């Protein structure tokens, strides 16, 4: 069976880890390429929340790779098998590469349901238990360009015992071997890439063992799991990622699951991560908030700077967001809390504010509407609020990734970090 067409071409690797380059050979005919560090378009089930395909296509600079999750697709297995032409065509996703992950990064998963033979996902109808055979039958029906292998990812809580963590690494490797065996004998998955999953909880030796063993298998890339926001503090996350990436081949992509906050993204990219999931703009939208942080690293700070007024204004609002920003990480259950990268349009102060969400932002929302209008839509529970916020938040977030790539390529990561954290304002004391 032909191996995956996916190829990572790096143009720069910075001492210490950060990489910039292009992931080529994506899509059924290998026509798509994705710049790294980059992120995938987040969709629970083939559509970006709040947005129609038509609205989505009016937006520029979106990634050419879309994430879908088995937690949403598994209950529709029979329909997809009957349809026969794969999920991309089923969902009307024409010009995109498709990545299929196990869980939805924006939704917390119940734990305690993994066994030696199965993993569970949660759809609208409840829990669905997947054996390797059922998991692979789903991949055959979905026909993605690449997918995450089955994994036991239930060791992200810090109180997990060393024995349980070791078991999760062993199970995940066994799942990978089983999936690869079926994959290699499935004609429909020819040219499709498998990403091996690196587990290991917060135990360095197990992380290194998981990475080393996974790298021995014929995988197209790697998913780093169990490092999501709230699972551990930033310093430990970076230590573990740095140790893992040293064990992984340089020419294969590394995708980090469950990390979306801009400051954390920059730190993880510095440690050698290539791909991220873009669920963060969705979470911000659900809070009735707008992303409003500065990532302009162009030489001239006066050139339509990205949101400096809003960033200054955030200092006042951080009081209402609690002290979570100062401490760096939130609890996993606490993903509803506002971060220092957004403003809450529900706040009364915006009811007469006639400025766009972000000065100089070129998205449809900022070109056509004011903060006061968004405030009105939110307090009257109009559906349009979610649409306009999602347009802005998605545009702003993907603009940040373009700035991140430029920063890695031109040695400006320190400048980008200063911009993100408000050029030494109240947040400067926050641990990197």
Protein backbone atom coordinates (compact mmCIF):
# COMPACT_ATOMS: atom_id res chain seq x y z
CA UNK A 1 0.00 0.00 0.00
CA UNK A 2 1.31 3.46 -0.88
CA UNK A 3 2.33 5.55 2.10
CA UNK A 4 0.94 9.01 2.81
CA UNK A 5 1.71 11.73 0.27
CA UNK A 6 2.23 14.21 3.10
CA UNK A 7 5.66 15.86 3.14
CA UNK A 8 7.04 18.47 5.51
CA UNK A 9 9.54 20.87 3.97
CA UNK A 10 11.19 23.07 6.58
CA UNK A 11 12.73 26.37 5.56
CA UNK A 12 14.05 27.31 8.99
CA UNK A 13 14.67 25.51 12.27
CA UNK A 14 15.63 27.75 15.17
CA UNK A 15 18.05 26.46 17.80
CA UNK A 16 15.81 25.26 20.61
CA UNK A 17 12.90 24.10 18.52
CA UNK A 18 10.68 26.48 16.54
CA UNK A 19 10.28 25.54 12.89
CA UNK A 20 8.80 27.23 9.86
CA UNK A 21 7.98 25.51 6.59
CA UNK A 22 5.26 23.97 4.45
CA UNK A 23 3.33 20.73 4.83
CA UNK A 24 2.79 19.56 1.26
CA UNK A 25 0.87 16.78 -0.45
CA UNK A 26 -2.46 17.26 1.34
CA UNK A 27 -5.79 16.52 -0.32
CA UNK A 28 -6.89 13.61 -2.48
CA UNK A 29 -4.49 14.54 -5.26
CA UNK A 30 -1.89 16.18 -3.03
CA UNK A 31 -2.87 19.63 -4.32
CA UNK A 32 -3.02 21.40 -0.93
CA UNK A 33 -0.24 22.70 1.27
CA UNK A 34 -0.35 24.16 4.76
CA UNK A 35 2.19 26.58 6.19
CA UNK A 36 3.62 25.74 9.62
CA UNK A 37 3.40 26.69 12.37
CA UNK A 38 -0.26 26.70 11.43
CA UNK A 39 -3.66 25.62 12.56
CA UNK A 40 -6.53 23.60 11.16
CA UNK A 41 -10.00 24.96 10.57
CA UNK A 42 -12.05 23.83 13.58
CA UNK A 43 -15.36 22.15 12.76
CA UNK A 44 -17.17 19.67 14.97
CA UNK A 45 -18.94 18.16 11.97
CA UNK A 46 -17.67 19.72 8.76
CA UNK A 47 -19.09 23.21 9.32
CA UNK A 48 -17.51 26.04 11.28
CA UNK A 49 -19.94 26.84 14.14
CA UNK A 50 -22.27 29.80 13.35
CA UNK A 51 -21.04 30.06 9.74
CA UNK A 52 -22.47 28.71 6.49
CA UNK A 53 -20.14 27.47 3.75
CA UNK A 54 -21.00 30.60 1.73
CA UNK A 55 -20.02 32.92 4.58
CA UNK A 56 -16.85 30.95 5.16
CA UNK A 57 -15.83 31.28 1.51
CA UNK A 58 -15.99 35.09 1.72
CA UNK A 59 -13.14 34.99 4.26
CA UNK A 60 -9.54 35.03 3.10
CA UNK A 61 -6.37 33.43 4.50
CA UNK A 62 -8.13 30.43 5.98
CA UNK A 63 -6.12 27.18 6.26
CA UNK A 64 -6.67 24.55 3.58
CA UNK A 65 -7.09 21.80 6.19
CA UNK A 66 -10.30 21.11 8.11
CA UNK A 67 -10.60 19.14 11.35
CA UNK A 68 -13.57 16.87 11.96
CA UNK A 69 -14.04 14.70 15.04
CA UNK A 70 -15.16 11.11 15.48
CA UNK A 71 -17.13 12.16 18.56
CA UNK A 72 -19.52 13.88 16.12
CA UNK A 73 -19.26 11.51 13.15
CA UNK A 74 -19.36 8.07 14.81
CA UNK A 75 -23.15 8.03 15.24
CA UNK A 76 -23.59 8.59 11.49
CA UNK A 77 -21.41 5.67 10.43
CA UNK A 78 -24.16 3.79 8.58
CA UNK A 79 -25.20 6.86 6.60
CA UNK A 80 -21.60 7.51 5.55
CA UNK A 81 -21.05 3.87 4.59
CA UNK A 82 -24.14 3.98 2.42
CA UNK A 83 -23.06 7.27 0.87
CA UNK A 84 -19.69 5.68 -0.10
CA UNK A 85 -17.94 8.88 -1.28
CA UNK A 86 -16.41 9.98 2.02
CA UNK A 87 -17.16 12.73 4.47
CA UNK A 88 -15.70 15.60 2.45
CA UNK A 89 -18.25 15.17 -0.33
CA UNK A 90 -21.01 14.32 2.16
CA UNK A 91 -20.52 17.63 4.00
CA UNK A 92 -19.97 19.68 0.84
CA UNK A 93 -16.37 20.46 1.74
CA UNK A 94 -14.92 20.84 -1.69
CA UNK A 95 -11.53 22.45 -1.59
CA UNK A 96 -9.93 21.33 1.65
CA UNK A 97 -7.78 18.61 3.16
CA UNK A 98 -9.48 16.63 5.92
CA UNK A 99 -8.05 15.65 9.31
CA UNK A 100 -10.06 13.34 11.56
CA UNK A 101 -9.39 13.46 15.30
CA UNK A 102 -10.87 11.30 18.04
CA UNK A 103 -12.37 13.97 20.33
CA UNK A 104 -13.72 17.49 19.96
CA UNK A 105 -11.12 19.84 21.53
CA UNK A 106 -13.80 22.32 22.61
CA UNK A 107 -15.71 19.75 24.66
CA UNK A 108 -14.46 18.08 27.83
CA UNK A 109 -14.65 14.27 27.71
CA UNK A 110 -15.77 12.11 30.63
CA UNK A 111 -12.95 9.84 31.83
CA UNK A 112 -12.90 6.25 33.04
CA UNK A 113 -14.18 4.56 29.90
CA UNK A 114 -11.04 3.26 28.19
CA UNK A 115 -10.25 -0.44 28.15
CA UNK A 116 -7.44 -2.51 26.67
CA UNK A 117 -9.55 -3.06 23.56
CA UNK A 118 -11.70 0.09 23.21
CA UNK A 119 -11.85 3.86 23.43
CA UNK A 120 -15.07 5.84 23.79
CA UNK A 121 -16.33 9.00 22.11
CA UNK A 122 -19.41 11.01 23.01
CA UNK A 123 -21.91 12.09 20.38
CA UNK A 124 -25.30 13.73 20.77
CA UNK A 125 -26.78 10.32 21.54
CA UNK A 126 -24.30 9.51 24.30
CA UNK A 127 -21.28 7.24 24.52
CA UNK A 128 -20.06 5.20 21.56
CA UNK A 129 -17.49 2.51 22.27
CA UNK A 130 -14.96 1.97 19.50
CA UNK A 131 -12.92 -1.19 18.99
CA UNK A 132 -10.02 -0.97 16.56
CA UNK A 133 -12.19 -2.67 13.92
CA UNK A 134 -15.04 -0.16 14.37
CA UNK A 135 -12.57 2.76 14.50
CA UNK A 136 -10.97 1.69 11.23
CA UNK A 137 -14.36 1.06 9.58
CA UNK A 138 -15.20 4.68 10.46
CA UNK A 139 -11.96 5.94 8.90
CA UNK A 140 -12.77 3.95 5.78
CA UNK A 141 -16.21 5.63 5.64
CA UNK A 142 -14.84 9.14 6.39
CA UNK A 143 -11.90 8.86 3.94
CA UNK A 144 -9.83 11.66 5.54
CA UNK A 145 -6.41 12.77 4.29
CA UNK A 146 -4.95 11.92 7.65
CA UNK A 147 -6.28 10.80 10.99
CA UNK A 148 -5.24 10.42 14.58
CA UNK A 149 -4.80 6.81 15.67
CA UNK A 150 -6.77 5.37 18.61
CA UNK A 151 -5.31 6.40 21.95
CA UNK A 152 -5.83 6.15 25.69
CA UNK A 153 -5.69 9.85 26.53
CA UNK A 154 -7.12 9.68 30.03
CA UNK A 155 -3.98 10.55 31.97
CA UNK A 156 -4.01 14.32 31.77
CA UNK A 157 -5.09 14.79 35.40
CA UNK A 158 -2.05 15.54 37.56
CA UNK A 159 -3.00 12.92 40.18
CA UNK A 160 -2.75 10.00 37.72
CA UNK A 161 -0.48 7.25 39.04
CA UNK A 162 2.74 6.30 37.27
CA UNK A 163 1.36 2.79 36.73
CA UNK A 164 -1.76 4.18 35.00
CA UNK A 165 0.36 6.47 32.83
CA UNK A 166 2.57 3.56 31.77
CA UNK A 167 -0.53 1.55 30.91
CA UNK A 168 -1.87 4.40 28.75
CA UNK A 169 1.39 4.53 26.76
CA UNK A 170 1.36 0.73 26.26
CA UNK A 171 -2.30 0.71 25.22
CA UNK A 172 -1.83 3.61 22.82
CA UNK A 173 1.08 1.83 21.11
CA UNK A 174 -0.95 -1.40 20.89
CA UNK A 175 -3.88 0.55 19.38
CA UNK A 176 -1.51 2.14 16.86
CA UNK A 177 -0.10 -1.23 15.78
CA UNK A 178 -3.60 -2.62 15.35
CA UNK A 179 -4.77 0.41 13.35
CA UNK A 180 -1.67 0.34 11.12
CA UNK A 181 -2.22 -3.35 10.35
CA UNK A 182 -5.81 -2.72 9.18
CA UNK A 183 -4.78 0.51 7.43
CA UNK A 184 -2.15 -1.25 5.32
CA UNK A 185 -4.72 -3.76 4.10
CA UNK A 186 -7.47 -1.25 3.29
CA UNK A 187 -7.46 -0.09 -0.31
CA UNK A 188 -9.75 2.88 0.44
CA UNK A 189 -7.09 4.33 2.78
CA UNK A 190 -4.31 4.31 0.23
CA UNK A 191 -2.33 7.55 0.42
CA UNK A 192 -3.98 8.47 3.75
CA UNK A 193 -1.66 9.39 6.64
CA UNK A 194 -1.83 8.02 10.18
CA UNK A 195 -0.68 10.24 13.06
CA UNK A 196 0.64 8.27 16.01
CA UNK A 197 -0.38 9.65 19.41
CA UNK A 198 2.23 10.52 22.03
CA UNK A 199 0.90 10.05 25.57
CA UNK A 200 2.66 9.93 28.94
CA UNK A 201 0.73 12.27 31.22
CA UNK A 202 3.03 14.55 33.22
CA UNK A 203 5.81 11.93 33.56
CA UNK A 204 8.89 12.81 31.53
CA UNK A 205 10.24 9.23 31.13
CA UNK A 206 6.90 7.96 29.83
CA UNK A 207 6.55 10.89 27.40
CA UNK A 208 10.02 10.15 26.01
CA UNK A 209 9.27 6.40 25.78
CA UNK A 210 5.96 7.06 24.02
CA UNK A 211 7.62 9.42 21.52
CA UNK A 212 10.54 7.07 20.85
CA UNK A 213 8.35 4.00 20.31
CA UNK A 214 5.78 5.85 18.17
CA UNK A 215 8.57 7.23 15.98
CA UNK A 216 9.62 3.63 15.14
CA UNK A 217 6.24 3.01 13.47
CA UNK A 218 5.43 3.98 9.86
CA UNK A 219 3.40 7.07 10.80
CA UNK A 220 3.01 10.27 8.78
CA UNK A 221 3.17 12.54 11.82
CA UNK A 222 2.50 12.82 15.54
CA UNK A 223 -0.31 14.02 17.83
CA UNK A 224 0.83 15.28 21.22
CA UNK A 225 -2.02 14.50 23.60
CA UNK A 226 -2.74 15.16 27.27
CA UNK A 227 -1.00 18.56 27.31
CA UNK A 228 -4.14 20.64 26.90
CA UNK A 229 -4.85 23.87 28.73
CA UNK A 230 -5.70 23.08 32.31
CA UNK A 231 -3.91 19.72 32.32
CA UNK A 232 -0.66 21.16 33.67
CA UNK A 233 1.16 24.44 34.05
CA UNK A 234 2.90 26.06 31.13
CA UNK A 235 6.47 25.42 32.34
CA UNK A 236 5.89 21.67 32.67
CA UNK A 237 4.06 21.52 29.32
CA UNK A 238 7.01 23.17 27.57
CA UNK A 239 9.52 20.90 29.32
CA UNK A 240 7.60 17.80 28.17
CA UNK A 241 7.09 19.05 24.59
CA UNK A 242 10.80 19.89 24.29
CA UNK A 243 11.76 16.42 25.51
CA UNK A 244 9.27 14.77 23.12
CA UNK A 245 10.25 16.75 20.00
CA UNK A 246 13.91 15.77 20.51
CA UNK A 247 12.83 12.14 20.03
CA UNK A 248 10.75 12.76 16.90
CA UNK A 249 12.10 12.83 13.33
CA UNK A 250 12.53 16.35 12.04
CA UNK A 251 10.77 15.69 8.73
CA UNK A 252 7.37 14.74 10.17
CA UNK A 253 4.74 17.17 11.51
CA UNK A 254 3.78 17.45 15.20
CA UNK A 255 0.19 18.38 16.04
CA UNK A 256 -0.66 19.55 19.56
CA UNK A 257 -4.16 18.91 20.87
CA UNK A 258 -6.17 21.17 23.13
CA UNK A 259 -3.97 24.28 23.27
CA UNK A 260 -5.38 27.44 21.71
CA UNK A 261 -4.55 30.49 23.82
CA UNK A 262 -2.15 32.75 21.87
CA UNK A 263 0.56 32.99 24.54
CA UNK A 264 0.54 29.22 24.97
CA UNK A 265 0.58 28.66 21.20
CA UNK A 266 3.72 30.81 20.84
CA UNK A 267 5.50 28.97 23.67
CA UNK A 268 4.58 25.55 22.22
CA UNK A 269 5.65 26.58 18.69
CA UNK A 270 8.99 27.65 20.21
CA UNK A 271 9.31 24.13 21.65
CA UNK A 272 8.84 22.55 18.19
CA UNK A 273 5.08 22.15 17.61
CA UNK A 274 3.93 22.58 13.97
CA UNK A 275 0.13 22.29 14.01
CA UNK A 276 -2.62 23.46 16.36
CA UNK A 277 -6.40 23.10 16.53
CA UNK A 278 -8.36 26.34 16.16
CA UNK A 279 -11.18 25.79 18.66
CA UNK A 280 -10.21 28.90 20.67
CA UNK A 281 -12.10 31.44 18.47
CA UNK A 282 -15.23 29.30 18.92
CA UNK A 283 -14.87 29.29 22.71
CA UNK A 284 -14.37 33.07 22.69
CA UNK A 285 -17.47 33.51 20.50
CA UNK A 286 -19.57 31.35 22.83
CA UNK A 287 -18.61 33.70 25.69
CA UNK A 288 -19.94 36.68 23.71
CA UNK A 289 -16.39 37.98 23.40
CA UNK A 290 -14.18 39.31 20.60
CA UNK A 291 -10.49 38.50 20.16
CA UNK A 292 -8.69 41.76 20.56
CA UNK A 293 -4.94 41.34 20.98
CA UNK A 294 -1.96 42.87 19.28
CA UNK A 295 0.23 40.72 17.01
CA UNK A 296 1.61 43.36 14.66
CA UNK A 297 5.35 42.79 14.31
CA UNK A 298 5.85 44.98 11.22
CA UNK A 299 8.80 47.42 11.50
CA UNK A 300 6.56 50.48 11.61
CA UNK A 301 4.38 50.40 14.75
CA UNK A 302 2.17 53.16 13.35
CA UNK A 303 1.15 51.04 10.35
CA UNK A 304 -2.48 50.17 11.10
CA UNK A 305 -1.33 48.62 14.36
CA UNK A 306 -3.42 45.71 15.48
CA UNK A 307 -5.62 46.73 18.37
CA UNK A 308 -3.33 48.70 20.68
CA UNK A 309 -6.28 50.77 22.04
CA UNK A 310 -8.21 47.61 22.79
CA UNK A 311 -5.21 45.99 24.42
CA UNK A 312 -4.80 48.94 26.77
CA UNK A 313 -8.47 48.82 27.53
CA UNK A 314 -8.21 45.14 28.42
CA UNK A 315 -6.32 46.01 31.57
CA UNK A 316 -9.49 47.40 33.10
CA UNK A 317 -11.47 44.38 32.03
CA UNK A 318 -9.06 41.82 33.40
CA UNK A 319 -10.39 42.59 36.86
CA UNK A 320 -13.69 41.03 35.80
CA UNK A 321 -11.87 38.09 34.25
CA UNK A 322 -10.44 37.14 37.63
CA UNK A 323 -6.83 36.34 38.32
CA UNK A 324 -6.69 33.43 35.88
CA UNK A 325 -4.46 35.33 33.48
CA UNK A 326 -1.82 36.07 36.09
CA UNK A 327 -1.59 32.40 37.01
CA UNK A 328 -1.22 31.35 33.40
CA UNK A 329 -3.41 28.26 33.33
CA UNK A 330 -7.07 27.59 33.95
CA UNK A 331 -8.64 24.46 35.30
CA UNK A 332 -9.72 22.11 32.54
CA UNK A 333 -13.32 22.51 33.67
CA UNK A 334 -12.89 26.27 33.60
CA UNK A 335 -12.63 26.82 29.85
CA UNK A 336 -15.61 29.17 30.02
CA UNK A 337 -13.52 31.85 31.72
CA UNK A 338 -12.53 34.90 29.77
CA UNK A 339 -8.85 35.34 28.93
CA UNK A 340 -6.80 38.50 28.60
CA UNK A 341 -6.92 38.25 24.79
CA UNK A 342 -10.58 39.20 24.40
CA UNK A 343 -13.17 41.79 25.32
CA UNK A 344 -16.70 40.98 26.45
CA UNK A 345 -19.19 42.73 24.18
CA UNK A 346 -21.96 42.02 26.68
CA UNK A 347 -20.39 44.64 28.94
CA UNK A 348 -22.47 47.79 29.31
CA UNK A 349 -19.53 50.03 28.42
CA UNK A 350 -19.90 49.02 24.76
CA UNK A 351 -23.54 50.05 24.33
CA UNK A 352 -22.54 53.45 22.87
CA UNK A 353 -19.11 52.47 21.51
CA UNK A 354 -19.10 53.22 17.77
CA UNK A 355 -15.64 51.79 17.06
CA UNK A 356 -15.09 48.50 15.22
CA UNK A 357 -14.13 45.48 17.33
CA UNK A 358 -10.49 46.01 16.35
CA UNK A 359 -9.15 49.12 14.63
CA UNK A 360 -7.57 48.20 11.29
CA UNK A 361 -9.06 44.68 11.16
CA UNK A 362 -10.22 43.90 7.62
CA UNK A 363 -12.90 41.32 8.49
CA UNK A 364 -16.52 41.79 7.37
CA UNK A 365 -17.67 42.47 10.93
CA UNK A 366 -15.11 45.21 11.67
CA UNK A 367 -15.60 46.84 8.25
CA UNK A 368 -19.39 47.05 8.63
CA UNK A 369 -20.39 47.10 12.28
CA UNK A 370 -19.59 48.77 15.59
CA UNK A 371 -19.13 47.39 19.07
CA UNK A 372 -22.44 48.99 20.09
CA UNK A 373 -24.29 46.92 17.48
CA UNK A 374 -22.63 43.68 18.66
CA UNK A 375 -23.55 44.60 22.24
CA UNK A 376 -27.17 45.08 21.17
CA UNK A 377 -27.22 41.73 19.31
CA UNK A 378 -25.84 39.91 22.34
CA UNK A 379 -28.17 41.40 24.95
CA UNK A 380 -31.17 40.69 22.71
CA UNK A 381 -29.93 37.12 22.02
CA UNK A 382 -29.86 37.57 18.25
CA UNK A 383 -28.27 34.69 16.28
CA UNK A 384 -26.40 37.22 14.15
CA UNK A 385 -24.15 37.99 17.15
CA UNK A 386 -22.54 34.55 16.91
CA UNK A 387 -22.12 34.86 13.15
CA UNK A 388 -20.38 38.26 13.29
CA UNK A 389 -18.20 37.34 16.29
CA UNK A 390 -17.15 34.06 14.66
CA UNK A 391 -16.20 35.89 11.45
CA UNK A 392 -14.05 38.33 13.40
CA UNK A 393 -12.54 35.83 15.85
CA UNK A 394 -11.64 33.35 13.11
CA UNK A 395 -10.05 36.10 10.96
CA UNK A 396 -8.12 37.57 13.90
CA UNK A 397 -6.85 34.16 15.06
CA UNK A 398 -5.63 33.09 11.65
CA UNK A 399 -3.99 36.52 11.24
CA UNK A 400 -2.13 35.81 14.48
CA UNK A 401 -0.82 32.53 13.01
CA UNK A 402 0.48 34.41 9.94
CA UNK A 403 2.32 36.75 12.33
CA UNK A 404 3.69 33.74 14.25
CA UNK A 405 5.14 32.26 11.06
CA UNK A 406 6.67 35.60 10.14
CA UNK A 407 8.11 35.94 13.66
CA UNK A 408 9.79 32.50 13.48
CA UNK A 409 11.09 33.17 9.97
CA UNK A 410 12.50 36.61 10.78
CA UNK A 411 13.67 36.11 14.36
CA UNK A 412 10.98 38.29 15.93
CA UNK A 413 9.42 35.89 18.43
CA UNK A 414 10.44 38.05 21.38
CA UNK A 415 8.75 41.06 19.77
CA UNK A 416 5.60 39.01 19.11
CA UNK A 417 5.53 37.89 22.75
CA UNK A 418 5.85 41.50 23.92
CA UNK A 419 2.98 42.52 21.62
CA UNK A 420 0.77 39.68 22.86
CA UNK A 421 1.38 40.57 26.47
CA UNK A 422 0.75 44.27 25.96
CA UNK A 423 4.35 45.52 25.72
CA UNK A 424 5.17 45.09 29.35
CA UNK A 425 1.86 46.19 30.82
CA UNK A 426 0.21 44.50 33.77
CA UNK A 427 0.75 41.10 32.24
CA UNK A 428 4.53 41.34 31.98
CA UNK A 429 4.89 39.53 35.27
CA UNK A 430 3.14 36.48 33.93
CA UNK A 431 5.35 33.42 33.66
CA UNK A 432 6.29 32.51 30.12
